[in-house]
Amino acid sequence: MNQDHIYLEHVSDTSYRITLNRPDKCNALNEEMIEALDSFISQIQNDDNARMVEVTAAGEKFFSAGGDIKAWSKYSPIDMGRKWIRRGNEVFNRLRRMPQLTVANINGHAMGGGLEIALCCDIKLSVPTAKFSTPEVTLGMVSGWMGMEKVVSLVGPNVAREMLLLGRMLTAEEAADVKLINKVVAREDMAAEIEKIHQKVIKCGPVALAHIKDFIISIESRNDQLSHQLLAGLMSASEDCQAATTAFAKKESWTFSNK
């Protein structure tokens, strides 16, 4: 497992940091990164002293541009659903359900799967320059890792329709206004803001915090993972999606044929 593209730091006795580390590829997520993330989650959960996990990325332009098209475009439609989508959902749900408090330090643009991983975190902080979008529809696709459900739940159906149906991009301030994220923080103040959260969480009962998280998730969850998995696999089989993603990878333009 290559962990160069994502790494884990033990920041203090009670906190960890996970960093996406493919800045030359806009921190796009591939299979190895997802498997490494799964390994890191297990390592942190086995540490009884761990109370908080920060999730961030290398560089300053992108938190993550989403799933690496080259990583999933090789899959057949069936494997797209049962491997790439299902495995990603399994790991993302493990991140979402960690008993520790999770904080997304969104230090750049969060798009597609990059937004989805950020939305798995309990607290979402963003630098002012970050932008947020679910651009899958512009590639003839749907978001694969439960992004549609999370966006609708957080921002409501009106803004969600603009994001999901038209690929609308939000600024950091707009994202905070519609409750997609918790707060916008100046880049130079981010470390201090995260430490404030850390100091608060170590004063909270860890068992109570874990059970409260479980209770919140049980209210939010609608068990749509299987239908989402099948939908994403179906969309990847469409001629439009195949043409668009092939052109995107080659940095060429494309048109949709409604097939």
C-alpha atoms as a PDB file:
ATOM      1  CA  MET A   1       0.000   0.000   0.000  1.00  0.00           C
ATOM      2  CA  ASN A   2       1.483   3.325  -1.114  1.00  0.00           C
ATOM      3  CA  GLN A   3       0.868   5.875   1.635  1.00  0.00           C
ATOM      4  CA  ASP A   4       2.899   8.655  -0.001  1.00  0.00           C
ATOM      5  CA  HIS A   5      -0.283  10.163  -1.431  1.00  0.00           C
ATOM      6  CA  ILE A   6      -2.007  10.301   1.955  1.00  0.00           C
ATOM      7  CA  TYR A   7      -0.327  10.226   5.332  1.00  0.00           C
ATOM      8  CA  LEU A   8      -1.079  10.155   9.035  1.00  0.00           C
ATOM      9  CA  GLU A   9       0.515  12.311  11.748  1.00  0.00           C
ATOM     10  CA  HIS A  10       0.215  11.866  15.515  1.00  0.00           C
ATOM     11  CA  VAL A  11      -0.045  15.575  16.333  1.00  0.00           C
ATOM     12  CA  SER A  12      -0.369  15.187  20.101  1.00  0.00           C
ATOM     13  CA  ASP A  13      -1.272  12.541  22.663  1.00  0.00           C
ATOM     14  CA  THR A  14      -4.939  13.095  21.874  1.00  0.00           C
ATOM     15  CA  SER A  15      -5.041  14.240  18.237  1.00  0.00           C
ATOM     16  CA  TYR A  16      -4.179  13.036  14.737  1.00  0.00           C
ATOM     17  CA  ARG A  17      -3.994  14.603  11.297  1.00  0.00           C
ATOM     18  CA  ILE A  18      -4.741  12.870   7.975  1.00  0.00           C
ATOM     19  CA  THR A  19      -3.362  14.706   4.938  1.00  0.00           C
ATOM     20  CA  LEU A  20      -4.239  14.113   1.278  1.00  0.00           C
ATOM     21  CA  ASN A  21      -0.936  14.466  -0.554  1.00  0.00           C
ATOM     22  CA  ARG A  22      -1.303  14.599  -4.329  1.00  0.00           C
ATOM     23  CA  PRO A  23      -1.141  18.348  -4.926  1.00  0.00           C
ATOM     24  CA  ASP A  24       0.132  17.817  -8.482  1.00  0.00           C
ATOM     25  CA  LYS A  25      -3.131  15.914  -9.172  1.00  0.00           C
ATOM     26  CA  CYS A  26      -5.343  18.320  -7.215  1.00  0.00           C
ATOM     27  CA  ASN A  27      -5.351  15.750  -4.380  1.00  0.00           C
ATOM     28  CA  ALA A  28      -7.637  13.503  -6.435  1.00  0.00           C
ATOM     29  CA  LEU A  29      -8.509  10.256  -4.659  1.00  0.00           C
ATOM     30  CA  ASN A  30      -7.422   6.863  -5.993  1.00  0.00           C
ATOM     31  CA  GLU A  31      -7.806   3.276  -4.731  1.00  0.00           C
ATOM     32  CA  GLU A  32      -4.551   3.277  -2.773  1.00  0.00           C
ATOM     33  CA  MET A  33      -5.521   6.456  -0.935  1.00  0.00           C
ATOM     34  CA  ILE A  34      -8.885   4.981   0.015  1.00  0.00           C
ATOM     35  CA  GLU A  35      -7.240   1.811   1.336  1.00  0.00           C
ATOM     36  CA  ALA A  36      -4.644   3.832   3.257  1.00  0.00           C
ATOM     37  CA  LEU A  37      -7.426   5.964   4.755  1.00  0.00           C
ATOM     38  CA  ASP A  38      -9.137   2.775   5.908  1.00  0.00           C
ATOM     39  CA  SER A  39      -5.890   1.644   7.560  1.00  0.00           C
ATOM     40  CA  PHE A  40      -5.440   5.013   9.283  1.00  0.00           C
ATOM     41  CA  ILE A  41      -8.992   4.910  10.655  1.00  0.00           C
ATOM     42  CA  SER A  42      -8.291   1.509  12.217  1.00  0.00           C
ATOM     43  CA  GLN A  43      -5.042   2.759  13.720  1.00  0.00           C
ATOM     44  CA  ILE A  44      -6.695   5.789  15.286  1.00  0.00           C
ATOM     45  CA  GLN A  45      -9.643   3.794  16.604  1.00  0.00           C
ATOM     46  CA  ASN A  46      -7.226   1.438  18.363  1.00  0.00           C
ATOM     47  CA  ASP A  47      -5.757   4.394  20.273  1.00  0.00           C
ATOM     48  CA  ASP A  48      -7.826   4.891  23.412  1.00  0.00           C
ATOM     49  CA  ASN A  49      -6.277   8.331  23.950  1.00  0.00           C
ATOM     50  CA  ALA A  50      -7.347   9.705  20.549  1.00  0.00           C
ATOM     51  CA  ARG A  51      -9.998  12.403  20.864  1.00  0.00           C
ATOM     52  CA  MET A  52      -9.832  14.359  17.598  1.00  0.00           C
ATOM     53  CA  VAL A  53      -8.852  13.827  13.958  1.00  0.00           C
ATOM     54  CA  GLU A  54      -8.110  16.622  11.491  1.00  0.00           C
ATOM     55  CA  VAL A  55      -8.536  15.883   7.775  1.00  0.00           C
ATOM     56  CA  THR A  56      -6.724  18.245   5.414  1.00  0.00           C
ATOM     57  CA  ALA A  57      -4.623  18.339   2.235  1.00  0.00           C
ATOM     58  CA  ALA A  58      -1.233  19.376   0.905  1.00  0.00           C
ATOM     59  CA  GLY A  59      -0.947  22.583  -1.102  1.00  0.00           C
ATOM     60  CA  GLU A  60      -3.206  25.606  -1.034  1.00  0.00           C
ATOM     61  CA  LYS A  61      -5.343  25.454  -4.180  1.00  0.00           C
ATOM     62  CA  PHE A  62      -7.215  22.157  -3.799  1.00  0.00           C
ATOM     63  CA  PHE A  63      -8.444  20.263  -0.778  1.00  0.00           C
ATOM     64  CA  SER A  64      -9.460  17.611  -3.301  1.00  0.00           C
ATOM     65  CA  ALA A  65     -10.867  17.639  -6.824  1.00  0.00           C
ATOM     66  CA  GLY A  66     -12.623  14.323  -6.115  1.00  0.00           C
ATOM     67  CA  GLY A  67     -12.187  10.790  -7.397  1.00  0.00           C
ATOM     68  CA  ASP A  68      -9.360  10.293  -9.868  1.00  0.00           C
ATOM     69  CA  ILE A  69     -11.032   9.522 -13.198  1.00  0.00           C
ATOM     70  CA  LYS A  70      -8.115   7.316 -14.228  1.00  0.00           C
ATOM     71  CA  ALA A  71      -8.670   5.228 -11.094  1.00  0.00           C
ATOM     72  CA  TRP A  72     -12.290   4.319 -11.811  1.00  0.00           C
ATOM     73  CA  SER A  73     -12.668   4.643 -15.593  1.00  0.00           C
ATOM     74  CA  LYS A  74     -11.088   1.193 -16.075  1.00  0.00           C
ATOM     75  CA  TYR A  75     -13.971  -0.496 -14.246  1.00  0.00           C
ATOM     76  CA  SER A  76     -16.947  -2.115 -15.947  1.00  0.00           C
ATOM     77  CA  PRO A  77     -20.339  -0.668 -14.887  1.00  0.00           C
ATOM     78  CA  ILE A  78     -20.893  -3.614 -12.516  1.00  0.00           C
ATOM     79  CA  ASP A  79     -17.442  -3.269 -10.934  1.00  0.00           C
ATOM     80  CA  MET A  80     -17.860   0.501 -10.811  1.00  0.00           C
ATOM     81  CA  GLY A  81     -20.777  -0.021  -8.433  1.00  0.00           C
ATOM     82  CA  ARG A  82     -19.565  -2.951  -6.383  1.00  0.00           C
ATOM     83  CA  LYS A  83     -15.889  -1.996  -6.101  1.00  0.00           C
ATOM     84  CA  TRP A  84     -15.154   1.718  -6.557  1.00  0.00           C
ATOM     85  CA  ILE A  85     -18.480   3.049  -5.249  1.00  0.00           C
ATOM     86  CA  ARG A  86     -19.153   0.442  -2.572  1.00  0.00           C
ATOM     87  CA  ARG A  87     -15.599   0.389  -1.259  1.00  0.00           C
ATOM     88  CA  GLY A  88     -15.440   4.181  -1.157  1.00  0.00           C
ATOM     89  CA  ASN A  89     -18.729   4.298   0.717  1.00  0.00           C
ATOM     90  CA  GLU A  90     -17.514   1.697   3.202  1.00  0.00           C
ATOM     91  CA  VAL A  91     -14.404   3.712   4.039  1.00  0.00           C
ATOM     92  CA  PHE A  92     -16.131   7.095   4.005  1.00  0.00           C
ATOM     93  CA  ASN A  93     -18.791   5.737   6.359  1.00  0.00           C
ATOM     94  CA  ARG A  94     -16.066   4.476   8.678  1.00  0.00           C
ATOM     95  CA  LEU A  95     -14.643   8.012   8.723  1.00  0.00           C
ATOM     96  CA  ARG A  96     -18.088   9.440   9.370  1.00  0.00           C
ATOM     97  CA  ARG A  97     -18.705   7.013  12.234  1.00  0.00           C
ATOM     98  CA  MET A  98     -15.360   7.377  14.006  1.00  0.00           C
ATOM     99  CA  PRO A  99     -15.915   7.720  17.764  1.00  0.00           C
ATOM    100  CA  GLN A 100     -13.520  10.676  17.806  1.00  0.00           C
ATOM    101  CA  LEU A 101     -14.463  14.200  16.747  1.00  0.00           C
ATOM    102  CA  THR A 102     -13.438  14.771  13.132  1.00  0.00           C
ATOM    103  CA  VAL A 103     -12.576  18.216  11.751  1.00  0.00           C
ATOM    104  CA  ALA A 104     -12.205  19.008   8.047  1.00  0.00           C
ATOM    105  CA  ASN A 105      -9.563  21.671   7.451  1.00  0.00           C
ATOM    106  CA  ILE A 106     -10.674  22.589   3.927  1.00  0.00           C
ATOM    107  CA  ASN A 107      -7.608  24.474   2.743  1.00  0.00           C
ATOM    108  CA  GLY A 108      -8.615  24.652  -0.935  1.00  0.00           C
ATOM    109  CA  HIS A 109     -11.329  23.785  -3.419  1.00  0.00           C
ATOM    110  CA  ALA A 110     -13.498  20.779  -2.469  1.00  0.00           C
ATOM    111  CA  MET A 111     -15.233  19.240  -5.464  1.00  0.00           C
ATOM    112  CA  GLY A 112     -17.078  15.995  -6.083  1.00  0.00           C
ATOM    113  CA  GLY A 113     -15.522  13.260  -3.972  1.00  0.00           C
ATOM    114  CA  GLY A 114     -13.363  15.886  -2.281  1.00  0.00           C
ATOM    115  CA  LEU A 115     -16.487  17.570  -0.967  1.00  0.00           C
ATOM    116  CA  GLU A 116     -17.885  14.176   0.012  1.00  0.00           C
ATOM    117  CA  ILE A 117     -14.899  13.327   2.214  1.00  0.00           C
ATOM    118  CA  ALA A 118     -15.100  16.761   3.859  1.00  0.00           C
ATOM    119  CA  LEU A 119     -18.812  16.273   4.551  1.00  0.00           C
ATOM    120  CA  CYS A 120     -18.020  13.049   6.426  1.00  0.00           C
ATOM    121  CA  CYS A 121     -16.390  15.158   9.139  1.00  0.00           C
ATOM    122  CA  ASP A 122     -18.245  16.526  12.164  1.00  0.00           C
ATOM    123  CA  ILE A 123     -16.892  20.068  11.929  1.00  0.00           C
ATOM    124  CA  LYS A 124     -16.100  21.662   8.581  1.00  0.00           C
ATOM    125  CA  LEU A 125     -13.802  24.709   8.487  1.00  0.00           C
ATOM    126  CA  SER A 126     -12.775  26.431   5.262  1.00  0.00           C
ATOM    127  CA  VAL A 127     -10.257  29.024   4.153  1.00  0.00           C
ATOM    128  CA  PRO A 128     -11.867  32.026   2.384  1.00  0.00           C
ATOM    129  CA  THR A 129     -10.482  31.114  -1.046  1.00  0.00           C
ATOM    130  CA  ALA A 130     -11.996  27.616  -1.190  1.00  0.00           C
ATOM    131  CA  LYS A 131     -14.864  26.806  -3.525  1.00  0.00           C
ATOM    132  CA  PHE A 132     -17.360  23.957  -3.311  1.00  0.00           C
ATOM    133  CA  SER A 133     -19.160  22.022  -6.019  1.00  0.00           C
ATOM    134  CA  THR A 134     -20.710  18.744  -7.098  1.00  0.00           C
ATOM    135  CA  PRO A 135     -19.766  18.879 -10.810  1.00  0.00           C
ATOM    136  CA  GLU A 136     -20.560  15.244 -11.676  1.00  0.00           C
ATOM    137  CA  VAL A 137     -23.597  16.199 -13.778  1.00  0.00           C
ATOM    138  CA  THR A 138     -21.309  18.106 -16.164  1.00  0.00           C
ATOM    139  CA  LEU A 139     -19.584  14.783 -16.874  1.00  0.00           C
ATOM    140  CA  GLY A 140     -22.837  12.873 -17.301  1.00  0.00           C
ATOM    141  CA  MET A 141     -22.390  11.243 -13.888  1.00  0.00           C
ATOM    142  CA  VAL A 142     -23.815  11.251 -10.381  1.00  0.00           C
ATOM    143  CA  SER A 143     -21.821  11.620  -7.196  1.00  0.00           C
ATOM    144  CA  GLY A 144     -20.794   8.178  -6.013  1.00  0.00           C
ATOM    145  CA  TRP A 145     -20.087   8.425  -2.288  1.00  0.00           C
ATOM    146  CA  MET A 146     -23.459   9.606  -0.940  1.00  0.00           C
ATOM    147  CA  GLY A 147     -22.722  13.227  -1.825  1.00  0.00           C
ATOM    148  CA  MET A 148     -26.232  13.878  -3.119  1.00  0.00           C
ATOM    149  CA  GLU A 149     -27.823  12.812   0.144  1.00  0.00           C
ATOM    150  CA  LYS A 150     -25.392  14.815   2.269  1.00  0.00           C
ATOM    151  CA  VAL A 151     -25.771  17.992   0.198  1.00  0.00           C
ATOM    152  CA  VAL A 152     -29.581  17.844   0.224  1.00  0.00           C
ATOM    153  CA  SER A 153     -29.571  17.186   3.980  1.00  0.00           C
ATOM    154  CA  LEU A 154     -27.304  20.132   4.731  1.00  0.00           C
ATOM    155  CA  VAL A 155     -28.362  22.892   2.330  1.00  0.00           C
ATOM    156  CA  GLY A 156     -31.965  21.968   1.563  1.00  0.00           C
ATOM    157  CA  PRO A 157     -33.584  21.100  -1.768  1.00  0.00           C
ATOM    158  CA  ASN A 158     -33.423  24.519  -3.447  1.00  0.00           C
ATOM    159  CA  VAL A 159     -29.672  25.105  -3.255  1.00  0.00           C
ATOM    160  CA  ALA A 160     -29.073  21.368  -3.622  1.00  0.00           C
ATOM    161  CA  ARG A 161     -30.880  21.387  -6.973  1.00  0.00           C
ATOM    162  CA  GLU A 162     -28.620  24.158  -8.238  1.00  0.00           C
ATOM    163  CA  MET A 163     -25.504  22.300  -7.075  1.00  0.00           C
ATOM    164  CA  LEU A 164     -26.528  18.818  -8.196  1.00  0.00           C
ATOM    165  CA  LEU A 165     -28.483  19.597 -11.374  1.00  0.00           C
ATOM    166  CA  LEU A 166     -26.436  22.526 -12.680  1.00  0.00           C
ATOM    167  CA  GLY A 167     -23.064  22.058 -11.020  1.00  0.00           C
ATOM    168  CA  ARG A 168     -23.331  25.393  -9.221  1.00  0.00           C
ATOM    169  CA  MET A 169     -20.118  26.322  -7.419  1.00  0.00           C
ATOM    170  CA  LEU A 170     -20.297  27.983  -4.010  1.00  0.00           C
ATOM    171  CA  THR A 171     -17.754  30.335  -2.499  1.00  0.00           C
ATOM    172  CA  ALA A 172     -16.653  29.660   1.053  1.00  0.00           C
ATOM    173  CA  GLU A 173     -18.915  32.419   2.365  1.00  0.00           C
ATOM    174  CA  GLU A 174     -21.886  31.070   0.398  1.00  0.00           C
ATOM    175  CA  ALA A 175     -21.143  27.561   1.687  1.00  0.00           C
ATOM    176  CA  ALA A 176     -21.196  28.852   5.260  1.00  0.00           C
ATOM    177  CA  ASP A 177     -24.394  30.839   4.639  1.00  0.00           C
ATOM    178  CA  VAL A 178     -26.275  27.752   3.423  1.00  0.00           C
ATOM    179  CA  LYS A 179     -24.795  25.584   6.244  1.00  0.00           C
ATOM    180  CA  LEU A 180     -22.756  23.326   3.960  1.00  0.00           C
ATOM    181  CA  ILE A 181     -19.784  24.123   6.221  1.00  0.00           C
ATOM    182  CA  ASN A 182     -19.535  25.435   9.775  1.00  0.00           C
ATOM    183  CA  LYS A 183     -17.197  28.379   9.478  1.00  0.00           C
ATOM    184  CA  VAL A 184     -14.800  30.325   7.257  1.00  0.00           C
ATOM    185  CA  VAL A 185     -11.402  30.876   8.877  1.00  0.00           C
ATOM    186  CA  ALA A 186      -8.434  32.863   7.590  1.00  0.00           C
ATOM    187  CA  ARG A 187      -5.644  30.531   6.514  1.00  0.00           C
ATOM    188  CA  GLU A 188      -3.210  32.017   9.025  1.00  0.00           C
ATOM    189  CA  ASP A 189      -5.733  31.481  11.849  1.00  0.00           C
ATOM    190  CA  MET A 190      -6.728  27.904  10.962  1.00  0.00           C
ATOM    191  CA  ALA A 191      -4.233  26.091  13.208  1.00  0.00           C
ATOM    192  CA  ALA A 192      -5.291  28.166  16.222  1.00  0.00           C
ATOM    193  CA  GLU A 193      -8.975  27.577  15.456  1.00  0.00           C
ATOM    194  CA  ILE A 194      -8.459  23.818  15.256  1.00  0.00           C
ATOM    195  CA  GLU A 195      -6.529  23.845  18.521  1.00  0.00           C
ATOM    196  CA  LYS A 196      -9.446  25.673  20.174  1.00  0.00           C
ATOM    197  CA  ILE A 197     -11.716  22.832  19.074  1.00  0.00           C
ATOM    198  CA  HIS A 198      -9.176  20.310  20.354  1.00  0.00           C
ATOM    199  CA  GLN A 199      -9.098  21.960  23.763  1.00  0.00           C
ATOM    200  CA  LYS A 200     -12.893  21.841  23.905  1.00  0.00           C
ATOM    201  CA  VAL A 201     -13.212  18.206  22.880  1.00  0.00           C
ATOM    202  CA  ILE A 202     -10.722  16.905  25.453  1.00  0.00           C
ATOM    203  CA  LYS A 203     -13.071  18.318  28.104  1.00  0.00           C
ATOM    204  CA  CYS A 204     -15.957  16.232  26.748  1.00  0.00           C
ATOM    205  CA  GLY A 205     -16.729  12.663  27.756  1.00  0.00           C
ATOM    206  CA  PRO A 206     -15.406  10.425  24.946  1.00  0.00           C
ATOM    207  CA  VAL A 207     -17.983   7.678  25.465  1.00  0.00           C
ATOM    208  CA  ALA A 208     -20.832  10.203  25.479  1.00  0.00           C
ATOM    209  CA  LEU A 209     -19.448  11.954  22.396  1.00  0.00           C
ATOM    210  CA  ALA A 210     -19.216   8.660  20.481  1.00  0.00           C
ATOM    211  CA  HIS A 211     -22.797   7.683  21.340  1.00  0.00           C
ATOM    212  CA  ILE A 212     -24.133  11.141  20.484  1.00  0.00           C
ATOM    213  CA  LYS A 213     -22.446  10.857  17.081  1.00  0.00           C
ATOM    214  CA  ASP A 214     -24.083   7.465  16.547  1.00  0.00           C
ATOM    215  CA  PHE A 215     -27.459   8.899  17.491  1.00  0.00           C
ATOM    216  CA  ILE A 216     -27.106  11.853  15.089  1.00  0.00           C
ATOM    217  CA  ILE A 217     -26.059   9.530  12.257  1.00  0.00           C
ATOM    218  CA  SER A 218     -29.012   7.215  12.932  1.00  0.00           C
ATOM    219  CA  ILE A 219     -31.347  10.196  12.491  1.00  0.00           C
ATOM    220  CA  GLU A 220     -29.620  11.294   9.283  1.00  0.00           C
ATOM    221  CA  SER A 221     -29.280   7.884   7.644  1.00  0.00           C
ATOM    222  CA  ARG A 222     -31.852   6.566   5.218  1.00  0.00           C
ATOM    223  CA  ASN A 223     -30.006   3.425   4.105  1.00  0.00           C
ATOM    224  CA  ASP A 224     -29.812   4.568   0.469  1.00  0.00           C
ATOM    225  CA  GLN A 225     -26.291   3.237  -0.056  1.00  0.00           C
ATOM    226  CA  LEU A 226     -27.302   0.270  -2.241  1.00  0.00           C
ATOM    227  CA  SER A 227     -29.556   2.295  -4.542  1.00  0.00           C
ATOM    228  CA  HIS A 228     -26.846   4.925  -4.845  1.00  0.00           C
ATOM    229  CA  GLN A 229     -24.293   2.249  -5.671  1.00  0.00           C
ATOM    230  CA  LEU A 230     -26.506   0.871  -8.461  1.00  0.00           C
ATOM    231  CA  LEU A 231     -27.296   4.333  -9.831  1.00  0.00           C
ATOM    232  CA  ALA A 232     -23.625   5.328 -10.007  1.00  0.00           C
ATOM    233  CA  GLY A 233     -22.756   2.101 -11.796  1.00  0.00           C
ATOM    234  CA  LEU A 234     -25.608   2.621 -14.277  1.00  0.00           C
ATOM    235  CA  MET A 235     -24.547   6.190 -15.047  1.00  0.00           C
ATOM    236  CA  SER A 236     -20.962   5.124 -15.692  1.00  0.00           C
ATOM    237  CA  ALA A 237     -22.278   2.846 -18.455  1.00  0.00           C
ATOM    238  CA  SER A 238     -23.982   5.645 -20.396  1.00  0.00           C
ATOM    239  CA  GLU A 239     -22.434   6.769 -23.675  1.00  0.00           C
ATOM    240  CA  ASP A 240     -22.524  10.358 -22.441  1.00  0.00           C
ATOM    241  CA  CYS A 241     -20.492   9.557 -19.324  1.00  0.00           C
ATOM    242  CA  GLN A 242     -17.951   7.465 -21.190  1.00  0.00           C
ATOM    243  CA  ALA A 243     -17.452  10.135 -23.853  1.00  0.00           C
ATOM    244  CA  ALA A 244     -17.236  12.970 -21.337  1.00  0.00           C
ATOM    245  CA  THR A 245     -14.796  11.279 -18.989  1.00  0.00           C
ATOM    246  CA  THR A 246     -12.568  10.136 -21.854  1.00  0.00           C
ATOM    247  CA  ALA A 247     -12.474  13.676 -23.241  1.00  0.00           C
ATOM    248  CA  PHE A 248     -11.888  15.134 -19.785  1.00  0.00           C
ATOM    249  CA  ALA A 249      -8.891  12.856 -19.229  1.00  0.00           C
ATOM    250  CA  LYS A 250      -7.466  13.976 -22.596  1.00  0.00           C
ATOM    251  CA  LYS A 251      -8.261  17.637 -21.802  1.00  0.00           C
ATOM    252  CA  GLU A 252     -10.553  17.811 -24.822  1.00  0.00           C
ATOM    253  CA  SER A 253     -14.044  19.265 -25.169  1.00  0.00           C
ATOM    254  CA  TRP A 254     -17.139  17.099 -25.469  1.00  0.00           C
ATOM    255  CA  THR A 255     -20.848  17.245 -26.258  1.00  0.00           C
ATOM    256  CA  PHE A 256     -23.661  15.119 -24.869  1.00  0.00           C
ATOM    257  CA  SER A 257     -25.796  12.895 -27.133  1.00  0.00           C
ATOM    258  CA  ASN A 258     -28.479  12.083 -24.536  1.00  0.00           C
ATOM    259  CA  LYS A 259     -27.571   8.391 -24.639  1.00  0.00           C
END
